[in-house]
Amino acid sequence: MLILSHSILVTGDRLKLQRNVTFFLWVCLILILPACGSSSSSSSFSMGGSVQGKALQLSRTVSTIAGVSPGFTDGIGTSARFNQPYGITSDGTNLYIADRNNHVIRKIVIATQEVTTLAGNVGSTDILDGIGTAAHFANPACLTTDGNNLYVVDASVIRKIVIATGAVTTIAGDVNAQGYLNGIGTAAKFNNPSGITTDGTNLYIADSGNTSIRKIVLATTEVTTLAGTNEYFGSSDGVKSLARFGWLGGLVTDGTNLYVADSSNSKIRKVDIATGEVTTLAGLAGSFASIDGVGINARFGNPVGITKVGTNLYITDSAFSSIRRLDLTTGAVTTLAGSARVSGFADGIGTAATFTATAHLTSDGTNLFIAESNCTVRKVVLATTEVTTFAGKASSGFNDGADATARFNYPNDITTDGLNLYVTDTFNYVIRKIELATGMVSTLAGTALSYGTADGVGAVARFGHLKGITTDKRNLYVTDYDNYTIRKIVIATGEVTTLAGTAGVNGSDDGVGAAANFNSPY
């Protein structure tokens, strides 16, 4: 089991190694990554999350045993289907979506809600330039537009799409290797960039794996570093390479400044483009919460998406399933839509609406459009805060039952004892059990949508955001991410106890049981 911590204080090569490992885990926090495996000529596999050291006999036949699968369908509004839409941008007339797990770029006409595929080929996971469906995308994550072109972060390269023709080219980054290197075009290297924006002359990249902000001159494709450094994590303000960032989300520009979602530091940062000076607008590093307030008195969980309308920034707080607003004139942070720790899929007004897994967002000046990892695009009317489902159909929720009648809400990890599957149902705050023989889904521990931290048997227990899970066939062991604890569940009885760590106390102390501390174990 790997444990994720926001704060890593090491130097040199050890830092670079740990940064790459930790970044992979941080991406898993924000994205839905259902399973990992490897191919072999044998029918016997050892899989992560299974009984430790035990091989599983697999038939290699793939079927859906519980829940509703996402899909790929062009169409009008909610008749369309997506597979983890993540990045989103607008030219005022259309929306453009990075449909991540379909490996394509989709277009939605705002006036008619018609969804079409602009570029990429469903099921093709390599990087190949070409026109329309002849082009291939590996992992399109976020995108921006200058009105004529789209610029897409795809794995660790930057792609350009001519909107009128669908022609796709690779303009910067090394297709074969990630890393850190300034240079011209494909001679430069990036490390898991997470955000992109443009002022029409330059592109600005949140290069998350390098904890820095990079700049690409569109006329020459020259790549330079504007702020931060690939050598160190941190959260300190400063000028250019003296500033420090954590794992980054998205960014947006008004032509003079960049506004950056510093996800793992739970802060919103500002970068002066002319000077490279970095300052903190709101939030406090190391303080993971959802609290409205002014400047550093406000608190965020994991801010990911960010856009600007007038004098306000709008931010997706992915960890707390909400849309936040930051008034640039006063520094005041308020919650526009959704409610912290109330995750789900319900349209409504303001905080009466619920979200599941918000990613990036954009605006046409009147509305916000949010890419949500439950396979939908949601719309928020700024004047009224009314939330509706604009395109796609959600498959999340909570329901026990057999096969496709069951519903989950951001299932994050899975393990098996050979008879049953056990799932961390993250945003329902419960442990689910699936009988392999029948496909029947039941709740083993916790109560759906009841966030907290309490030991007890079955439905009496309470969890925060559950992440990792493993088993020794008698017990389950899970990481309770925002309670900073490791929990144990007796499979036979559903009894939940806290094995290590203390709820609400984060840190890195070694020790026995509650004397030990964790910082967001994943």
Protein backbone atom coordinates (compact mmCIF):
# COMPACT_ATOMS: atom_id res chain seq x y z
CA MET A 1 0.00 0.00 0.00
CA LEU A 2 1.27 3.44 -0.90
CA ILE A 3 0.52 6.45 1.27
CA LEU A 4 0.20 9.91 -0.31
CA SER A 5 1.34 13.00 1.52
CA HIS A 6 1.04 16.59 0.34
CA SER A 7 4.37 17.59 1.91
CA ILE A 8 7.59 15.93 0.81
CA LEU A 9 10.78 17.49 2.14
CA VAL A 10 13.61 15.76 0.32
CA THR A 11 16.21 16.98 -2.14
CA GLY A 12 18.10 16.01 -5.28
CA ASP A 13 17.43 12.80 -7.17
CA ARG A 14 15.36 11.38 -4.33
CA LEU A 15 13.01 14.35 -4.64
CA LYS A 16 12.61 13.85 -8.38
CA LEU A 17 11.84 10.16 -7.93
CA GLN A 18 9.31 10.75 -5.17
CA ARG A 19 7.77 13.63 -7.08
CA ASN A 20 7.04 11.40 -10.08
CA VAL A 21 5.60 8.63 -7.89
CA THR A 22 3.52 11.07 -5.87
CA PHE A 23 2.24 12.84 -8.98
CA PHE A 24 0.85 9.58 -10.31
CA LEU A 25 -1.10 9.12 -7.10
CA TRP A 26 -2.25 12.72 -7.05
CA VAL A 27 -3.70 12.31 -10.55
CA CYS A 28 -5.61 9.28 -9.26
CA LEU A 29 -7.18 11.52 -6.60
CA ILE A 30 -8.67 13.83 -9.19
CA LEU A 31 -9.46 11.29 -11.90
CA ILE A 32 -11.49 8.11 -11.94
CA LEU A 33 -9.10 5.28 -12.71
CA PRO A 34 -11.13 2.10 -12.38
CA ALA A 35 -8.46 -0.58 -12.71
CA CYS A 36 -4.86 -1.39 -13.54
CA GLY A 37 -3.42 -4.63 -14.91
CA SER A 38 -0.85 -6.19 -17.19
CA SER A 39 -0.92 -8.65 -20.03
CA SER A 40 0.68 -12.07 -19.97
CA SER A 41 0.65 -15.29 -21.89
CA SER A 42 -0.56 -17.06 -18.75
CA SER A 43 -4.12 -17.00 -17.39
CA SER A 44 -2.80 -16.40 -13.85
CA PHE A 45 -2.34 -12.82 -12.70
CA SER A 46 -1.29 -11.01 -9.55
CA MET A 47 -3.32 -7.83 -9.35
CA GLY A 48 -2.94 -4.77 -7.14
CA GLY A 49 -5.69 -4.70 -4.54
CA SER A 50 -6.17 -8.46 -4.50
CA VAL A 51 -5.17 -10.71 -1.62
CA GLN A 52 -1.50 -9.94 -1.13
CA GLY A 53 0.77 -12.41 -2.92
CA LYS A 54 -2.12 -14.50 -4.25
CA ALA A 55 -2.66 -15.12 -7.96
CA LEU A 56 -6.14 -14.76 -9.44
CA GLN A 57 -7.43 -17.09 -12.13
CA LEU A 58 -9.04 -14.88 -14.77
CA SER A 59 -10.94 -15.86 -17.89
CA ARG A 60 -10.18 -12.52 -19.60
CA THR A 61 -13.87 -12.19 -20.43
CA VAL A 62 -15.01 -8.61 -19.77
CA SER A 63 -18.56 -7.77 -18.69
CA THR A 64 -20.37 -5.18 -16.61
CA ILE A 65 -21.42 -6.67 -13.27
CA ALA A 66 -22.63 -3.57 -11.44
CA GLY A 67 -23.50 0.02 -12.27
CA VAL A 68 -24.12 1.79 -15.56
CA SER A 69 -21.23 2.20 -17.97
CA PRO A 70 -20.36 5.51 -19.65
CA GLY A 71 -20.23 5.52 -23.41
CA PHE A 72 -19.69 7.32 -26.68
CA THR A 73 -22.61 8.71 -28.64
CA ASP A 74 -23.03 11.94 -30.56
CA GLY A 75 -26.49 13.46 -30.26
CA ILE A 76 -28.58 16.21 -28.72
CA GLY A 77 -28.17 17.13 -25.04
CA THR A 78 -28.70 14.25 -22.64
CA SER A 79 -28.98 11.72 -25.48
CA ALA A 80 -25.23 12.11 -26.02
CA ARG A 81 -22.76 10.00 -24.07
CA PHE A 82 -19.29 10.81 -22.73
CA ASN A 83 -16.58 8.85 -20.95
CA GLN A 84 -15.01 11.09 -18.30
CA PRO A 85 -15.20 14.57 -19.83
CA TYR A 86 -12.42 16.52 -18.14
CA GLY A 87 -11.27 19.67 -19.94
CA ILE A 88 -13.70 22.24 -21.33
CA THR A 89 -13.45 25.58 -23.12
CA SER A 90 -15.73 27.89 -25.11
CA ASP A 91 -15.53 30.36 -27.98
CA GLY A 92 -18.89 31.83 -26.95
CA THR A 93 -20.83 29.84 -29.54
CA ASN A 94 -19.60 26.32 -28.92
CA LEU A 95 -18.19 24.25 -26.11
CA TYR A 96 -15.20 22.01 -26.71
CA ILE A 97 -14.68 19.00 -24.46
CA ALA A 98 -11.66 16.78 -23.85
CA ASP A 99 -13.54 13.45 -23.61
CA ARG A 100 -10.67 11.81 -21.82
CA ASN A 101 -11.45 8.10 -21.73
CA ASN A 102 -12.85 8.16 -25.26
CA HIS A 103 -9.59 9.84 -26.42
CA VAL A 104 -11.43 12.39 -28.53
CA ILE A 105 -12.31 16.09 -28.65
CA ARG A 106 -16.05 16.78 -28.71
CA LYS A 107 -17.95 19.90 -29.78
CA ILE A 108 -21.28 21.11 -28.35
CA VAL A 109 -23.26 23.87 -30.04
CA ILE A 110 -24.51 25.90 -27.08
CA ALA A 111 -27.72 27.07 -28.79
CA THR A 112 -28.88 23.58 -29.80
CA GLN A 113 -26.90 21.31 -27.41
CA GLU A 114 -25.84 19.21 -30.41
CA VAL A 115 -22.79 17.06 -29.60
CA THR A 116 -20.38 16.00 -32.36
CA THR A 117 -16.83 14.66 -32.49
CA LEU A 118 -14.30 17.16 -33.80
CA ALA A 119 -11.08 15.13 -33.72
CA GLY A 120 -9.69 11.82 -32.54
CA ASN A 121 -10.64 8.18 -32.89
CA VAL A 122 -12.45 6.34 -30.08
CA GLY A 123 -10.29 3.52 -28.74
CA SER A 124 -7.03 4.79 -30.25
CA THR A 125 -4.66 5.66 -27.41
CA ASP A 126 -1.50 6.77 -29.21
CA ILE A 127 -0.44 10.23 -30.41
CA LEU A 128 -0.86 10.71 -34.15
CA ASP A 129 -1.31 13.93 -36.12
CA GLY A 130 -3.96 14.05 -38.84
CA ILE A 131 -7.35 15.46 -39.78
CA GLY A 132 -10.48 14.72 -37.77
CA THR A 133 -10.86 11.03 -36.90
CA ALA A 134 -7.53 10.24 -38.58
CA ALA A 135 -5.82 11.96 -35.63
CA HIS A 136 -5.24 10.06 -32.40
CA PHE A 137 -5.08 11.29 -28.81
CA ALA A 138 -3.53 9.44 -25.90
CA ASN A 139 -4.88 11.24 -22.87
CA PRO A 140 -6.51 14.61 -23.68
CA ALA A 141 -6.92 16.40 -20.38
CA CYS A 142 -7.53 20.12 -20.80
CA LEU A 143 -7.79 22.64 -23.59
CA THR A 144 -8.10 26.31 -24.50
CA THR A 145 -9.01 28.32 -27.60
CA ASP A 146 -8.04 31.54 -29.36
CA GLY A 147 -11.26 31.43 -31.42
CA ASN A 148 -9.69 29.77 -34.46
CA ASN A 149 -7.71 26.96 -32.89
CA LEU A 150 -7.88 24.66 -29.92
CA TYR A 151 -4.75 23.89 -27.91
CA VAL A 152 -4.91 20.60 -26.04
CA VAL A 153 -2.79 19.06 -23.30
CA ASP A 154 -2.41 15.43 -24.38
CA ALA A 155 -0.30 13.35 -21.99
CA SER A 156 2.94 15.37 -21.87
CA VAL A 157 2.65 17.14 -25.23
CA ILE A 158 0.68 20.12 -26.52
CA ARG A 159 -1.52 19.61 -29.59
CA LYS A 160 -3.16 22.17 -31.89
CA ILE A 161 -6.51 21.66 -33.65
CA VAL A 162 -7.68 24.00 -36.41
CA ILE A 163 -11.38 24.29 -35.60
CA ALA A 164 -12.51 24.87 -39.19
CA THR A 165 -10.80 21.75 -40.58
CA GLY A 166 -10.16 19.47 -37.61
CA ALA A 167 -6.45 19.30 -38.54
CA VAL A 168 -4.36 18.16 -35.54
CA THR A 169 -0.63 18.84 -35.10
CA THR A 170 1.78 18.45 -32.19
CA ILE A 171 3.40 21.81 -31.43
CA ALA A 172 5.43 21.24 -28.25
CA GLY A 173 6.68 18.47 -26.00
CA ASP A 174 8.37 15.14 -26.57
CA VAL A 175 5.98 12.37 -27.64
CA ASN A 176 8.34 9.69 -26.39
CA ALA A 177 9.49 11.09 -23.03
CA GLN A 178 8.26 13.39 -20.29
CA GLY A 179 10.70 15.53 -18.35
CA TYR A 180 11.79 19.10 -17.88
CA LEU A 181 13.50 20.93 -20.73
CA ASN A 182 13.03 24.35 -22.28
CA GLY A 183 13.50 24.61 -26.02
CA ILE A 184 11.75 24.95 -29.37
CA GLY A 185 8.62 22.91 -30.07
CA THR A 186 9.02 19.17 -29.73
CA ALA A 187 12.56 19.58 -28.35
CA ALA A 188 11.01 20.83 -25.11
CA LYS A 189 9.73 18.49 -22.40
CA PHE A 190 6.81 18.63 -19.97
CA ASN A 191 5.84 16.44 -17.04
CA ASN A 192 2.10 15.78 -16.77
CA PRO A 193 0.79 19.28 -17.51
CA SER A 194 -2.62 19.88 -15.95
CA GLY A 195 -3.82 23.25 -17.27
CA ILE A 196 -3.56 25.48 -20.33
CA THR A 197 -4.68 28.99 -21.28
CA THR A 198 -3.85 31.57 -23.95
CA ASP A 199 -3.76 35.34 -24.40
CA GLY A 200 -3.71 34.94 -28.19
CA THR A 201 0.05 35.42 -28.43
CA ASN A 202 1.32 32.86 -25.94
CA LEU A 203 0.19 29.66 -24.32
CA TYR A 204 0.65 29.23 -20.56
CA ILE A 205 0.93 25.72 -19.15
CA ALA A 206 0.48 24.51 -15.58
CA ASP A 207 3.26 21.92 -15.70
CA SER A 208 2.16 19.99 -12.65
CA GLY A 209 4.85 17.31 -12.54
CA ASN A 210 7.48 20.04 -12.76
CA THR A 211 5.62 22.27 -10.25
CA SER A 212 6.07 25.26 -12.54
CA ILE A 213 4.30 27.56 -14.99
CA ARG A 214 5.63 27.29 -18.54
CA LYS A 215 5.16 29.66 -21.49
CA ILE A 216 4.99 28.84 -25.21
CA VAL A 217 5.31 31.63 -27.79
CA LEU A 218 2.81 30.64 -30.48
CA ALA A 219 4.73 32.27 -33.33
CA THR A 220 7.94 30.34 -32.61
CA THR A 221 6.83 27.48 -30.28
CA GLU A 222 9.66 28.47 -27.92
CA VAL A 223 9.11 27.04 -24.43
CA THR A 224 10.40 28.84 -21.31
CA THR A 225 9.66 28.73 -17.58
CA LEU A 226 7.70 31.71 -16.24
CA ALA A 227 7.51 30.83 -12.53
CA GLY A 228 8.37 28.02 -10.13
CA THR A 229 11.02 25.35 -10.45
CA ASN A 230 11.06 21.65 -11.23
CA GLU A 231 13.45 21.03 -8.33
CA TYR A 232 11.24 21.75 -5.34
CA PHE A 233 7.69 21.38 -4.04
CA GLY A 234 6.39 24.15 -1.83
CA SER A 235 3.83 26.91 -1.39
CA SER A 236 5.90 30.09 -0.97
CA ASP A 237 5.26 33.27 -2.92
CA GLY A 238 8.13 34.94 -4.77
CA VAL A 239 9.46 36.05 -8.14
CA LYS A 240 10.01 33.55 -10.96
CA SER A 241 12.12 30.57 -9.80
CA LEU A 242 11.90 31.67 -6.15
CA ALA A 243 8.18 30.85 -6.05
CA ARG A 244 7.04 27.34 -5.16
CA PHE A 245 3.98 25.38 -6.27
CA GLY A 246 2.43 22.04 -5.39
CA TRP A 247 0.48 19.81 -7.77
CA LEU A 248 -1.34 22.21 -10.05
CA GLY A 249 -4.82 22.22 -11.53
CA GLY A 250 -5.97 24.64 -14.21
CA LEU A 251 -5.15 28.25 -14.96
CA VAL A 252 -6.72 31.24 -16.72
CA THR A 253 -5.46 34.62 -17.90
CA ASP A 254 -6.81 38.16 -18.27
CA GLY A 255 -3.83 39.14 -20.43
CA THR A 256 -1.95 40.73 -17.53
CA ASN A 257 -2.05 38.00 -14.89
CA LEU A 258 -2.44 34.26 -14.63
CA TYR A 259 -4.76 32.81 -12.00
CA VAL A 260 -3.73 29.30 -10.97
CA ALA A 261 -5.47 26.54 -8.99
CA ASP A 262 -2.68 25.20 -6.76
CA SER A 263 -4.52 21.97 -5.99
CA SER A 264 -2.39 20.20 -3.43
CA ASN A 265 -1.71 23.46 -1.56
CA SER A 266 -5.47 24.19 -1.49
CA LYS A 267 -4.77 27.74 -2.70
CA ILE A 268 -5.52 30.12 -5.54
CA ARG A 269 -2.38 31.86 -6.81
CA LYS A 270 -1.77 34.87 -9.07
CA VAL A 271 1.21 35.22 -11.44
CA ASP A 272 2.13 38.62 -12.90
CA ILE A 273 3.04 37.74 -16.50
CA ALA A 274 5.40 40.70 -16.97
CA THR A 275 7.47 40.12 -13.82
CA GLY A 276 6.85 36.46 -12.91
CA GLU A 277 5.85 37.50 -9.38
CA VAL A 278 3.65 34.91 -7.63
CA THR A 279 1.23 35.84 -4.84
CA THR A 280 -1.51 33.98 -2.95
CA LEU A 281 -5.07 35.27 -3.41
CA ALA A 282 -6.99 32.82 -1.21
CA GLY A 283 -6.60 29.65 0.79
CA LEU A 284 -3.88 28.38 3.10
CA ALA A 285 -1.35 25.63 2.35
CA GLY A 286 -1.87 22.55 4.50
CA SER A 287 -5.41 23.56 5.50
CA PHE A 288 -7.80 21.22 3.66
CA ALA A 289 -11.39 22.40 4.21
CA SER A 290 -14.33 24.18 2.62
CA ILE A 291 -14.79 27.54 4.35
CA ASP A 292 -15.99 30.79 2.82
CA GLY A 293 -14.04 33.88 3.84
CA VAL A 294 -11.67 36.58 2.66
CA GLY A 295 -8.21 35.82 1.28
CA ILE A 296 -6.19 33.38 3.38
CA ASN A 297 -9.13 33.01 5.77
CA ALA A 298 -10.97 31.07 3.05
CA ARG A 299 -10.30 27.36 2.70
CA PHE A 300 -10.34 25.01 -0.27
CA GLY A 301 -10.01 21.27 -0.68
CA ASN A 302 -8.60 20.48 -4.11
CA PRO A 303 -9.26 23.38 -6.49
CA VAL A 304 -8.93 22.06 -10.04
CA GLY A 305 -10.77 24.11 -12.68
CA ILE A 306 -10.67 27.89 -12.85
CA THR A 307 -12.19 30.51 -15.16
CA LYS A 308 -12.72 34.28 -15.03
CA VAL A 309 -15.89 36.27 -15.72
CA GLY A 310 -15.68 40.01 -15.08
CA THR A 311 -14.04 40.61 -11.71
CA ASN A 312 -14.77 37.10 -10.41
CA LEU A 313 -12.91 33.82 -10.57
CA TYR A 314 -14.99 30.63 -10.58
CA ILE A 315 -13.32 27.51 -9.23
CA THR A 316 -14.25 23.83 -9.08
CA ASP A 317 -13.40 22.49 -5.63
CA SER A 318 -13.22 18.86 -6.64
CA ALA A 319 -12.75 17.42 -3.15
CA PHE A 320 -15.87 19.15 -1.87
CA SER A 321 -18.08 18.79 -4.97
CA SER A 322 -18.80 22.50 -5.22
CA ILE A 323 -18.31 25.61 -7.33
CA ARG A 324 -16.62 28.49 -5.52
CA ARG A 325 -16.46 32.20 -6.44
CA LEU A 326 -13.53 34.51 -5.65
CA ASP A 327 -14.22 38.25 -5.97
CA LEU A 328 -10.94 39.79 -7.18
CA THR A 329 -11.89 43.24 -5.91
CA THR A 330 -12.46 42.16 -2.30
CA GLY A 331 -10.76 38.75 -2.03
CA ALA A 332 -14.02 37.24 -0.71
CA VAL A 333 -14.61 33.56 -1.41
CA THR A 334 -18.19 32.24 -1.46
CA THR A 335 -19.82 28.95 -2.48
CA LEU A 336 -21.87 29.47 -5.64
CA ALA A 337 -23.31 25.98 -6.16
CA GLY A 338 -23.09 22.59 -4.54
CA SER A 339 -22.39 21.88 -0.88
CA ALA A 340 -19.23 20.63 0.79
CA ARG A 341 -19.39 16.91 1.61
CA VAL A 342 -22.80 16.54 -0.05
CA SER A 343 -21.97 14.67 -3.21
CA GLY A 344 -24.46 13.41 -5.74
CA PHE A 345 -26.20 14.32 -8.96
CA ALA A 346 -29.11 16.68 -8.54
CA ASP A 347 -30.04 19.78 -10.48
CA GLY A 348 -31.29 22.73 -8.47
CA ILE A 349 -30.59 26.28 -7.31
CA GLY A 350 -27.18 27.10 -5.79
CA THR A 351 -26.28 24.95 -2.81
CA ALA A 352 -29.39 22.80 -3.31
CA ALA A 353 -27.71 21.31 -6.39
CA THR A 354 -25.17 18.52 -6.00
CA PHE A 355 -22.10 17.53 -7.99
CA THR A 356 -20.06 14.34 -8.08
CA ALA A 357 -16.59 14.90 -9.49
CA THR A 358 -16.11 18.36 -10.93
CA ALA A 359 -13.11 18.83 -13.23
CA HIS A 360 -12.56 21.92 -15.39
CA LEU A 361 -15.04 24.67 -16.28
CA THR A 362 -15.56 27.49 -18.76
CA SER A 363 -18.00 30.33 -19.40
CA ASP A 364 -19.74 32.13 -22.22
CA GLY A 365 -20.08 35.19 -20.01
CA THR A 366 -23.60 34.34 -18.86
CA ASN A 367 -23.29 30.71 -17.79
CA LEU A 368 -20.71 28.35 -16.39
CA PHE A 369 -20.26 24.96 -18.03
CA ILE A 370 -18.63 22.26 -15.90
CA ALA A 371 -17.08 19.02 -17.10
CA GLU A 372 -18.05 16.40 -14.55
CA SER A 373 -16.39 13.01 -14.37
CA ASN A 374 -19.76 11.30 -13.95
CA CYS A 375 -20.04 11.62 -17.74
CA THR A 376 -22.04 14.87 -17.94
CA VAL A 377 -21.63 18.54 -18.68
CA ARG A 378 -23.48 20.72 -16.17
CA LYS A 379 -24.62 24.32 -16.64
CA VAL A 380 -24.84 27.05 -13.98
CA VAL A 381 -26.71 30.27 -14.80
CA LEU A 382 -24.61 32.97 -13.13
CA ALA A 383 -27.53 35.33 -12.54
CA THR A 384 -29.64 32.75 -10.69
CA THR A 385 -27.16 29.96 -9.75
CA GLU A 386 -29.58 27.46 -11.32
CA VAL A 387 -27.81 24.18 -12.09
CA THR A 388 -29.01 21.93 -14.92
CA THR A 389 -27.60 18.99 -16.86
CA PHE A 390 -26.56 20.33 -20.25
CA ALA A 391 -25.29 17.20 -21.99
CA GLY A 392 -24.65 13.55 -21.23
CA LYS A 393 -26.26 11.28 -18.69
CA ALA A 394 -24.97 10.61 -15.20
CA SER A 395 -24.44 7.06 -14.02
CA SER A 396 -23.62 7.86 -10.41
CA GLY A 397 -25.82 7.62 -7.32
CA PHE A 398 -26.50 5.19 -4.50
CA ASN A 399 -28.53 2.03 -4.78
CA ASP A 400 -27.95 -1.53 -3.60
CA GLY A 401 -29.19 -4.29 -5.86
CA ALA A 402 -28.18 -6.67 -8.61
CA ASP A 403 -26.14 -5.86 -11.67
CA ALA A 404 -27.04 -2.66 -13.51
CA THR A 405 -29.65 -1.55 -10.97
CA ALA A 406 -26.86 -0.72 -8.51
CA ARG A 407 -25.40 2.79 -8.35
CA PHE A 408 -22.03 4.03 -7.11
CA ASN A 409 -20.69 7.53 -6.57
CA TYR A 410 -17.01 7.76 -7.57
CA PRO A 411 -15.83 4.23 -6.78
CA ASN A 412 -12.10 4.68 -6.26
CA ASP A 413 -10.49 1.32 -5.44
CA ILE A 414 -11.40 -2.35 -5.37
CA THR A 415 -10.15 -5.61 -3.84
CA THR A 416 -11.34 -9.21 -3.61
CA ASP A 417 -11.21 -12.16 -1.23
CA GLY A 418 -12.06 -14.57 -4.04
CA LEU A 419 -15.81 -14.65 -3.28
CA ASN A 420 -16.70 -10.98 -3.24
CA LEU A 421 -15.45 -7.65 -4.47
CA TYR A 422 -15.09 -4.78 -1.99
CA VAL A 423 -15.23 -1.20 -3.25
CA THR A 424 -14.44 2.17 -1.69
CA ASP A 425 -17.50 4.18 -2.79
CA THR A 426 -15.77 7.50 -2.19
CA PHE A 427 -18.53 10.09 -2.46
CA ASN A 428 -21.15 7.88 -0.83
CA TYR A 429 -18.74 7.45 2.14
CA VAL A 430 -19.36 3.70 2.33
CA ILE A 431 -17.76 0.32 1.67
CA ARG A 432 -19.71 -1.71 -0.88
CA LYS A 433 -19.69 -5.46 -1.39
CA ILE A 434 -20.37 -7.21 -4.71
CA GLU A 435 -21.01 -10.97 -4.74
CA LEU A 436 -19.04 -12.39 -7.65
CA ALA A 437 -21.48 -15.28 -8.16
CA THR A 438 -24.62 -13.13 -8.41
CA GLY A 439 -23.53 -9.53 -9.01
CA MET A 440 -25.55 -8.47 -5.97
CA VAL A 441 -24.37 -5.17 -4.48
CA SER A 442 -24.80 -4.38 -0.79
CA THR A 443 -23.37 -1.89 1.69
CA LEU A 444 -20.96 -3.47 4.16
CA ALA A 445 -20.13 -0.46 6.32
CA GLY A 446 -21.11 3.17 6.62
CA THR A 447 -24.29 5.02 5.67
CA ALA A 448 -24.63 6.61 2.23
CA LEU A 449 -24.07 10.41 2.17
CA SER A 450 -23.33 10.46 5.92
CA TYR A 451 -19.86 11.98 6.14
CA GLY A 452 -17.95 11.69 9.39
CA THR A 453 -15.59 9.54 11.42
CA ALA A 454 -16.99 6.96 13.81
CA ASP A 455 -16.12 3.37 14.62
CA GLY A 456 -18.96 0.91 14.92
CA VAL A 457 -20.70 -2.00 13.23
CA GLY A 458 -22.12 -1.71 9.71
CA ALA A 459 -24.32 1.34 9.13
CA VAL A 460 -23.30 2.86 12.48
CA ALA A 461 -19.75 3.53 11.23
CA ARG A 462 -18.87 6.76 9.47
CA PHE A 463 -16.15 7.51 6.93
CA GLY A 464 -14.71 10.49 5.09
CA HIS A 465 -13.48 10.18 1.50
CA LEU A 466 -12.32 6.57 1.24
CA LYS A 467 -9.54 5.87 -1.24
CA GLY A 468 -7.40 2.69 -1.17
CA ILE A 469 -8.54 -0.77 -0.06
CA THR A 470 -6.88 -4.17 0.40
CA THR A 471 -7.70 -7.41 2.22
CA ASP A 472 -6.19 -10.43 3.99
CA LYS A 473 -9.49 -12.33 3.40
CA ARG A 474 -10.64 -11.76 6.99
CA ASN A 475 -10.41 -7.97 7.18
CA LEU A 476 -10.47 -4.98 4.89
CA TYR A 477 -8.00 -2.13 5.35
CA VAL A 478 -8.87 1.26 3.85
CA THR A 479 -7.32 4.72 3.69
CA ASP A 480 -9.70 7.37 5.05
CA TYR A 481 -8.23 10.25 3.09
CA ASP A 482 -9.49 13.42 4.76
CA ASN A 483 -9.79 11.91 8.24
CA TYR A 484 -6.04 11.09 8.05
CA THR A 485 -6.60 7.54 9.29
CA ILE A 486 -6.28 3.87 8.34
CA ARG A 487 -9.48 1.96 9.06
CA LYS A 488 -10.07 -1.76 9.53
CA ILE A 489 -13.31 -3.61 8.73
CA VAL A 490 -14.01 -7.19 9.84
CA ILE A 491 -15.64 -8.76 6.79
CA ALA A 492 -17.76 -11.26 8.73
CA THR A 493 -19.37 -8.67 11.02
CA GLY A 494 -18.89 -5.28 9.36
CA GLU A 495 -17.22 -3.97 12.51
CA VAL A 496 -15.14 -0.85 11.80
CA THR A 497 -12.21 0.28 13.94
CA THR A 498 -9.47 2.85 13.45
CA LEU A 499 -6.19 0.99 13.04
CA ALA A 500 -3.77 3.95 12.89
CA GLY A 501 -3.82 7.72 12.93
CA THR A 502 -6.19 10.13 14.63
CA ALA A 503 -9.14 11.73 12.85
CA GLY A 504 -8.59 15.43 12.24
CA VAL A 505 -4.88 15.30 13.12
CA ASN A 506 -2.56 15.32 10.13
CA GLY A 507 1.21 14.97 10.23
CA SER A 508 4.04 12.52 9.63
CA ASP A 509 4.85 11.12 13.07
CA ASP A 510 5.71 7.44 13.35
CA GLY A 511 4.26 5.60 16.32
CA VAL A 512 1.78 2.97 17.48
CA GLY A 513 -1.90 3.26 16.48
CA ALA A 514 -3.37 6.67 17.23
CA ALA A 515 0.08 8.06 18.08
CA ALA A 516 1.01 7.90 14.39
CA ASN A 517 -0.02 10.66 11.97
CA PHE A 518 -0.81 10.66 8.26
CA ASN A 519 -1.35 13.48 5.78
CA SER A 520 -4.15 12.50 3.39
CA PRO A 521 -3.39 8.77 2.91
CA TYR A 522 -4.40 7.58 -0.51
